[in-house]
N, C-alpha and C. Protein backbone atom coordinates (compact mmCIF):
# COMPACT_ATOMS: atom_id res chain seq x y z
N UNK A 1 -10.76 10.20 8.23
CA UNK A 1 -10.89 9.96 6.76
C UNK A 1 -10.84 8.65 6.34
N UNK A 2 -11.58 8.16 5.23
CA UNK A 2 -11.54 6.99 5.03
C UNK A 2 -11.22 6.58 3.63
N UNK A 3 -10.42 5.65 3.23
CA UNK A 3 -10.27 5.20 1.74
C UNK A 3 -10.26 3.80 1.53
N UNK A 4 -10.88 3.37 0.28
CA UNK A 4 -10.65 2.09 0.12
C UNK A 4 -10.50 1.60 -1.44
N UNK A 5 -9.81 0.32 -1.76
CA UNK A 5 -9.47 0.30 -3.14
C UNK A 5 -9.68 -1.55 -3.14
N UNK A 6 -9.87 -1.80 -4.23
CA UNK A 6 -9.87 -2.98 -4.89
C UNK A 6 -9.05 -3.44 -5.89
N UNK A 7 -8.33 -4.41 -5.98
CA UNK A 7 -7.64 -4.57 -7.33
C UNK A 7 -7.81 -5.97 -7.69
N UNK A 8 -7.76 -6.26 -9.09
CA UNK A 8 -7.58 -7.62 -9.56
C UNK A 8 -6.29 -8.20 -9.62
N UNK A 9 -5.98 -9.19 -8.85
CA UNK A 9 -4.45 -9.90 -8.65
C UNK A 9 -4.12 -9.86 -10.16
N UNK A 10 -4.54 -10.38 -11.03
CA UNK A 10 -4.00 -10.44 -12.33
C UNK A 10 -3.47 -9.29 -13.14
N UNK A 11 -4.27 -8.10 -12.79
CA UNK A 11 -3.50 -6.99 -13.05
C UNK A 11 -2.26 -6.59 -12.58
N UNK A 12 -1.94 -7.10 -11.31
CA UNK A 12 -0.52 -6.56 -10.80
C UNK A 12 0.36 -7.91 -11.58
N UNK A 13 -0.16 -8.79 -11.82
CA UNK A 13 0.88 -10.04 -12.45
C UNK A 13 1.09 -9.63 -13.63
N UNK A 14 0.39 -9.28 -14.48
CA UNK A 14 0.45 -8.68 -15.96
C UNK A 14 1.36 -7.45 -15.93
N UNK A 15 1.35 -6.55 -15.02
CA UNK A 15 2.29 -5.52 -14.94
C UNK A 15 3.80 -6.08 -14.58
N UNK A 16 3.89 -6.79 -13.81
CA UNK A 16 5.07 -7.46 -13.27
C UNK A 16 5.55 -8.22 -14.52
N UNK A 17 4.84 -9.17 -15.14
CA UNK A 17 5.37 -9.60 -16.30
C UNK A 17 6.07 -8.67 -17.34
N UNK A 18 5.22 -7.48 -17.66
CA UNK A 18 5.50 -6.67 -18.65
C UNK A 18 6.48 -5.65 -18.17
N UNK A 19 6.67 -5.15 -17.19
CA UNK A 19 7.77 -4.28 -16.89
C UNK A 19 8.77 -4.63 -15.75
N UNK A 20 8.26 -5.92 -15.23
CA UNK A 20 9.43 -6.32 -14.28
C UNK A 20 9.95 -5.33 -13.23
N UNK A 21 11.33 -5.54 -13.07
CA UNK A 21 11.80 -4.45 -12.07
C UNK A 21 11.30 -2.98 -12.18
N UNK A 22 11.30 -2.64 -13.26
CA UNK A 22 10.87 -1.12 -13.27
C UNK A 22 9.63 -0.99 -12.49
N UNK A 23 8.66 -1.76 -12.89
CA UNK A 23 7.37 -1.60 -12.00
C UNK A 23 7.51 -1.87 -10.76
N UNK A 24 8.37 -2.79 -10.14
CA UNK A 24 8.67 -2.98 -8.71
C UNK A 24 9.10 -1.52 -8.24
N UNK A 25 10.22 -1.27 -8.70
CA UNK A 25 10.89 -0.09 -8.17
C UNK A 25 10.35 1.36 -8.16
N UNK A 26 9.23 1.16 -9.02
CA UNK A 26 8.40 2.41 -9.15
C UNK A 26 7.29 2.38 -8.27
N UNK A 27 6.76 1.66 -7.74
CA UNK A 27 5.75 1.33 -6.87
C UNK A 27 5.98 0.91 -5.40
N UNK A 28 6.98 -0.10 -5.26
CA UNK A 28 7.16 -0.65 -3.83
C UNK A 28 8.45 -0.28 -3.33
N UNK A 29 8.39 0.12 -1.96
CA UNK A 29 9.73 0.22 -1.07
C UNK A 29 10.66 -1.01 -1.14
N UNK A 30 11.74 -1.11 -0.96
CA UNK A 30 12.90 -2.17 -0.94
C UNK A 30 12.08 -3.22 0.18
N UNK A 31 11.56 -2.59 1.27
CA UNK A 31 11.05 -3.52 2.46
C UNK A 31 9.85 -4.14 2.05
N UNK A 32 8.90 -3.49 1.27
CA UNK A 32 7.65 -4.07 0.61
C UNK A 32 8.24 -5.25 -0.35
N UNK A 33 9.07 -4.91 -1.24
CA UNK A 33 9.60 -6.01 -2.15
C UNK A 33 9.98 -7.34 -1.45
N UNK A 34 10.96 -7.13 -0.46
CA UNK A 34 11.53 -8.32 0.24
C UNK A 34 10.34 -9.03 0.93
N UNK A 35 9.62 -8.34 1.72
CA UNK A 35 8.32 -8.94 2.09
C UNK A 35 7.54 -9.69 1.26
N UNK A 36 7.05 -9.24 0.29
CA UNK A 36 6.26 -9.90 -0.44
C UNK A 36 6.94 -11.17 -1.28
N UNK A 37 7.91 -10.94 -1.60
CA UNK A 37 8.99 -11.94 -2.39
C UNK A 37 9.33 -12.99 -1.56
N UNK A 38 8.95 -13.00 -0.07
CA UNK A 38 9.30 -14.01 0.73
C UNK A 38 7.99 -14.87 0.81
N UNK A 39 7.35 -14.43 0.37
CA UNK A 39 5.66 -15.53 0.22
C UNK A 39 5.91 -16.25 -0.66
N UNK A 40 4.91 -17.66 -0.46
CA UNK A 40 5.04 -18.27 -1.38
C UNK A 40 4.44 -17.96 -2.87
N UNK A 41 3.47 -16.98 -2.91
CA UNK A 41 2.95 -16.30 -3.93
C UNK A 41 3.16 -14.70 -3.87
N UNK A 42 3.90 -14.05 -4.30
CA UNK A 42 4.01 -12.81 -4.05
C UNK A 42 3.10 -11.73 -4.57
N UNK A 43 2.38 -12.42 -5.69
CA UNK A 43 1.14 -11.63 -6.31
C UNK A 43 0.13 -10.94 -5.41
N UNK A 44 -0.68 -11.94 -4.75
CA UNK A 44 -1.70 -11.14 -3.64
C UNK A 44 -1.03 -10.10 -2.66
N UNK A 45 0.26 -10.50 -2.26
CA UNK A 45 0.90 -9.73 -1.39
C UNK A 45 1.03 -8.23 -2.06
N UNK A 46 1.67 -8.09 -3.17
CA UNK A 46 2.02 -7.06 -4.11
C UNK A 46 0.45 -6.29 -4.25
N UNK A 47 -0.40 -7.03 -4.72
CA UNK A 47 -1.85 -6.55 -4.94
C UNK A 47 -2.49 -5.80 -3.84
N UNK A 48 -2.30 -6.51 -2.59
CA UNK A 48 -2.84 -5.89 -1.43
C UNK A 48 -2.12 -4.80 -1.05
N UNK A 49 -0.89 -4.57 -1.18
CA UNK A 49 -0.29 -3.46 -0.98
C UNK A 49 -0.48 -2.22 -2.15
N UNK A 50 -0.84 -2.52 -3.43
CA UNK A 50 -1.35 -1.53 -4.54
C UNK A 50 -2.53 -0.94 -3.87
N UNK A 51 -3.57 -1.95 -3.46
CA UNK A 51 -4.86 -1.42 -2.79
C UNK A 51 -4.74 -0.56 -1.65
N UNK A 52 -3.62 -0.97 -1.08
CA UNK A 52 -3.33 -0.25 0.32
C UNK A 52 -2.97 1.27 0.05
N UNK A 53 -2.03 1.35 -0.87
CA UNK A 53 -1.57 2.45 -1.45
C UNK A 53 -2.72 3.48 -1.87
N UNK A 54 -3.61 2.90 -2.74
CA UNK A 54 -4.60 3.67 -3.51
C UNK A 54 -5.75 4.25 -2.24
N UNK A 55 -6.09 3.34 -1.19
CA UNK A 55 -6.65 3.56 -0.24
C UNK A 55 -6.15 4.74 0.64
N UNK A 56 -4.89 4.76 0.96
CA UNK A 56 -4.23 5.81 1.65
C UNK A 56 -4.13 7.18 0.95
N UNK A 57 -3.99 7.20 -0.60
CA UNK A 57 -3.83 8.28 -1.11
C UNK A 57 -5.28 8.99 -0.86
N UNK A 58 -6.26 8.25 -0.88
CA UNK A 58 -7.88 8.96 -0.90
C UNK A 58 -7.77 9.38 0.44
N UNK A 59 -7.69 8.44 1.55
CA UNK A 59 -7.79 9.10 2.66
C UNK A 59 -7.01 10.07 3.02
N UNK A 60 -5.83 10.34 2.71
CA UNK A 60 -4.66 11.26 2.89
C UNK A 60 -5.09 12.56 2.32
N UNK A 61 -5.63 12.49 1.08
CA UNK A 61 -6.32 13.93 0.42
C UNK A 61 -7.34 14.17 1.18
N UNK A 62 -8.35 13.38 1.72
CA UNK A 62 -9.28 13.98 2.19
C UNK A 62 -9.15 14.78 3.75
N UNK A 63 -8.02 14.17 4.11
CA UNK A 63 -7.38 14.76 5.60
C UNK A 63 -6.62 16.07 5.35
N UNK A 64 -5.77 15.96 4.27
CA UNK A 64 -4.74 17.14 4.35
C UNK A 64 -4.84 17.70 2.76
N UNK A 65 -5.79 17.38 1.89
CA UNK A 65 -5.39 17.99 0.58
C UNK A 65 -4.41 17.76 -0.02
N UNK A 66 -3.65 16.60 0.13
CA UNK A 66 -2.28 16.45 -0.38
C UNK A 66 -2.37 15.03 -1.19
N UNK A 67 -1.90 14.94 -2.61
CA UNK A 67 -1.82 13.73 -3.21
C UNK A 67 -0.70 13.19 -3.12
N UNK A 68 -0.65 12.02 -2.38
CA UNK A 68 0.65 11.28 -2.13
C UNK A 68 1.22 10.61 -3.48
N UNK A 69 2.54 10.04 -3.58
CA UNK A 69 2.80 9.22 -4.49
C UNK A 69 2.92 7.80 -3.87
N UNK A 70 3.08 6.86 -5.11
CA UNK A 70 2.86 5.54 -4.06
C UNK A 70 4.18 5.10 -3.37
N UNK A 71 5.43 5.82 -3.81
CA UNK A 71 6.82 5.42 -3.35
C UNK A 71 6.65 6.09 -1.79
N UNK A 72 5.69 6.95 -1.46
CA UNK A 72 5.80 7.79 -0.39
C UNK A 72 5.06 6.84 0.78
N UNK A 73 4.45 6.00 0.37
CA UNK A 73 3.56 5.00 1.18
C UNK A 73 4.30 3.60 1.26
N UNK A 74 4.50 3.24 2.56
CA UNK A 74 5.20 1.94 2.94
C UNK A 74 4.24 1.18 3.69
N UNK A 75 3.90 0.09 3.02
CA UNK A 75 3.12 -0.93 3.86
C UNK A 75 3.84 -2.18 4.18
N UNK A 76 4.20 -2.25 5.58
CA UNK A 76 5.09 -3.33 6.06
C UNK A 76 4.20 -4.20 6.49
N UNK A 77 4.43 -5.45 6.11
CA UNK A 77 3.96 -6.57 6.67
C UNK A 77 4.56 -7.03 7.83
N UNK A 78 3.40 -7.73 8.93
CA UNK A 78 3.94 -8.38 10.12
C UNK A 78 3.11 -9.59 10.03
N UNK A 79 3.65 -10.69 9.74
CA UNK A 79 3.03 -11.93 9.69
C UNK A 79 2.13 -12.05 10.88
N UNK A 80 0.75 -12.56 10.44
CA UNK A 80 -0.06 -12.90 11.38
C UNK A 80 -0.86 -11.77 12.28
N UNK A 81 -0.26 -10.28 11.88
CA UNK A 81 -0.48 -9.26 12.56
C UNK A 81 -1.03 -8.34 11.46
N UNK A 82 -1.95 -7.07 11.87
CA UNK A 82 -2.20 -6.22 11.02
C UNK A 82 -0.82 -5.58 10.34
N UNK A 83 -0.88 -5.13 9.12
CA UNK A 83 0.18 -4.36 8.57
C UNK A 83 0.35 -2.86 9.10
N UNK A 84 1.37 -2.34 8.88
CA UNK A 84 1.55 -0.87 9.45
C UNK A 84 1.86 0.00 8.22
N UNK A 85 1.58 1.27 8.43
CA UNK A 85 1.78 1.96 7.25
C UNK A 85 2.70 3.25 7.81
N UNK A 86 3.52 3.59 6.89
CA UNK A 86 4.59 4.68 6.99
C UNK A 86 4.47 5.69 5.97
N UNK A 87 4.20 6.91 6.21
CA UNK A 87 4.27 7.99 5.38
C UNK A 87 5.62 8.57 5.14
N UNK A 88 6.10 8.70 4.14
CA UNK A 88 7.79 8.90 3.80
C UNK A 88 7.77 10.53 3.42
N UNK A 89 9.00 11.20 3.66
CA UNK A 89 8.92 12.63 3.52
C UNK A 89 8.22 13.52 4.24
N UNK A 90 8.28 14.84 3.46
CA UNK A 90 7.59 15.78 4.41
C UNK A 90 6.15 15.43 4.73
N UNK A 91 5.37 14.76 3.88
CA UNK A 91 3.95 14.37 4.22
C UNK A 91 4.17 13.51 5.48
N UNK A 92 5.01 12.80 5.66
CA UNK A 92 4.91 11.88 6.86
C UNK A 92 5.16 12.89 8.17
N UNK A 93 5.94 13.86 7.88
CA UNK A 93 6.16 15.04 9.21
C UNK A 93 4.68 15.49 9.34
N UNK A 94 4.17 15.84 8.08
CA UNK A 94 2.77 16.50 8.34
C UNK A 94 1.65 15.65 8.98
N UNK A 95 1.83 14.45 8.95
CA UNK A 95 1.12 13.41 9.56
C UNK A 95 1.36 13.43 11.05
N UNK A 96 2.71 13.19 11.42
CA UNK A 96 2.83 13.21 12.75
C UNK A 96 2.83 14.77 13.27
N UNK A 97 2.98 15.68 12.85
CA UNK A 97 2.88 17.00 13.28
C UNK A 97 1.22 16.89 13.68
N UNK A 98 0.56 16.40 12.82
CA UNK A 98 -1.16 16.42 13.10
C UNK A 98 -1.64 15.49 14.59
N UNK A 99 -0.67 14.72 14.72
CA UNK A 99 -0.79 13.76 15.76
C UNK A 99 -1.60 12.64 15.33
N UNK A 100 -1.94 12.13 14.11
CA UNK A 100 -2.53 11.36 13.46
C UNK A 100 -1.81 10.43 12.84
N UNK A 101 -2.57 9.21 12.80
CA UNK A 101 -1.69 7.82 11.97
C UNK A 101 -2.59 7.32 11.11
N UNK A 102 -2.23 6.34 10.24
CA UNK A 102 -2.95 5.95 9.10
C UNK A 102 -2.76 4.32 9.73
N UNK A 103 -4.21 3.62 9.52
CA UNK A 103 -4.44 2.33 10.05
C UNK A 103 -4.81 1.67 8.64
N UNK A 104 -4.70 0.46 8.34
CA UNK A 104 -5.16 -0.11 7.06
C UNK A 104 -5.45 -1.54 7.46
N UNK A 105 -6.49 -2.12 6.76
CA UNK A 105 -6.87 -3.43 6.94
C UNK A 105 -6.99 -4.05 5.54
N UNK A 106 -6.08 -5.04 5.36
CA UNK A 106 -5.89 -6.02 3.73
C UNK A 106 -6.69 -7.19 3.93
N UNK A 107 -7.02 -7.72 2.77
CA UNK A 107 -7.72 -8.76 2.46
C UNK A 107 -7.31 -9.55 0.98
N UNK A 108 -7.48 -10.77 0.90
CA UNK A 108 -7.12 -11.32 -0.19
C UNK A 108 -8.36 -12.29 -0.46
N UNK A 109 -8.96 -12.48 -1.73
CA UNK A 109 -10.07 -13.73 -1.98
C UNK A 109 -9.84 -13.85 -3.54
N UNK A 110 -9.23 -15.13 -3.41
CA UNK A 110 -8.89 -15.86 -4.94
C UNK A 110 -8.42 -14.64 -5.87
N UNK A 111 -9.10 -13.94 -6.61
CA UNK A 111 -8.61 -13.05 -7.73
C UNK A 111 -8.50 -11.69 -7.23
N UNK A 112 -8.80 -11.44 -6.10
CA UNK A 112 -8.84 -10.08 -5.88
C UNK A 112 -8.01 -9.82 -4.57
N UNK A 113 -7.60 -8.52 -4.28
CA UNK A 113 -7.07 -7.86 -3.24
C UNK A 113 -7.73 -6.70 -2.74
N UNK A 114 -8.22 -6.43 -1.49
CA UNK A 114 -8.89 -5.14 -1.22
C UNK A 114 -7.95 -4.58 0.11
N UNK A 115 -8.34 -3.11 0.12
CA UNK A 115 -7.50 -2.67 1.53
C UNK A 115 -8.60 -1.47 1.56
N UNK A 116 -8.53 -1.31 3.11
CA UNK A 116 -9.32 -0.07 3.61
C UNK A 116 -8.37 0.61 4.32
N UNK A 117 -8.07 1.99 4.30
CA UNK A 117 -7.40 3.00 5.11
C UNK A 117 -8.00 3.97 5.88
N UNK A 118 -7.55 4.40 7.14
CA UNK A 118 -8.34 5.26 7.81
C UNK A 118 -7.15 6.00 8.85
N UNK A 119 -7.39 7.41 8.33
CA UNK A 119 -6.47 8.21 9.07
C UNK A 119 -7.07 8.81 10.68
N UNK A 120 -6.54 8.33 11.73
CA UNK A 120 -7.41 8.64 12.94
C UNK A 120 -6.37 9.44 13.88
């Protein structure tokens, strides 16, 4: 199954300015925050993870009929390599038991970030 999402980077920037740490801790795992804030500009990184989480939610629902929460999805950056996705909690166990995995592709273009997720 496949999921896709695109996000305007300024939307993430506005949420960060308005809600600060409350926004970050509600959406992103500690490892995601650490990785994105190690970047020169964390906004595209955060936006790409938002898009990835939305794409994973769509693909996961199509595959398993379960709606994930943002914090159940961890998108781990690996400089120069494709990001890895981990599904946390009992839904992660469901994924492992099905012998499937989630793969994602992230991209940035000036004002937008996009992600595609596939469960294979």
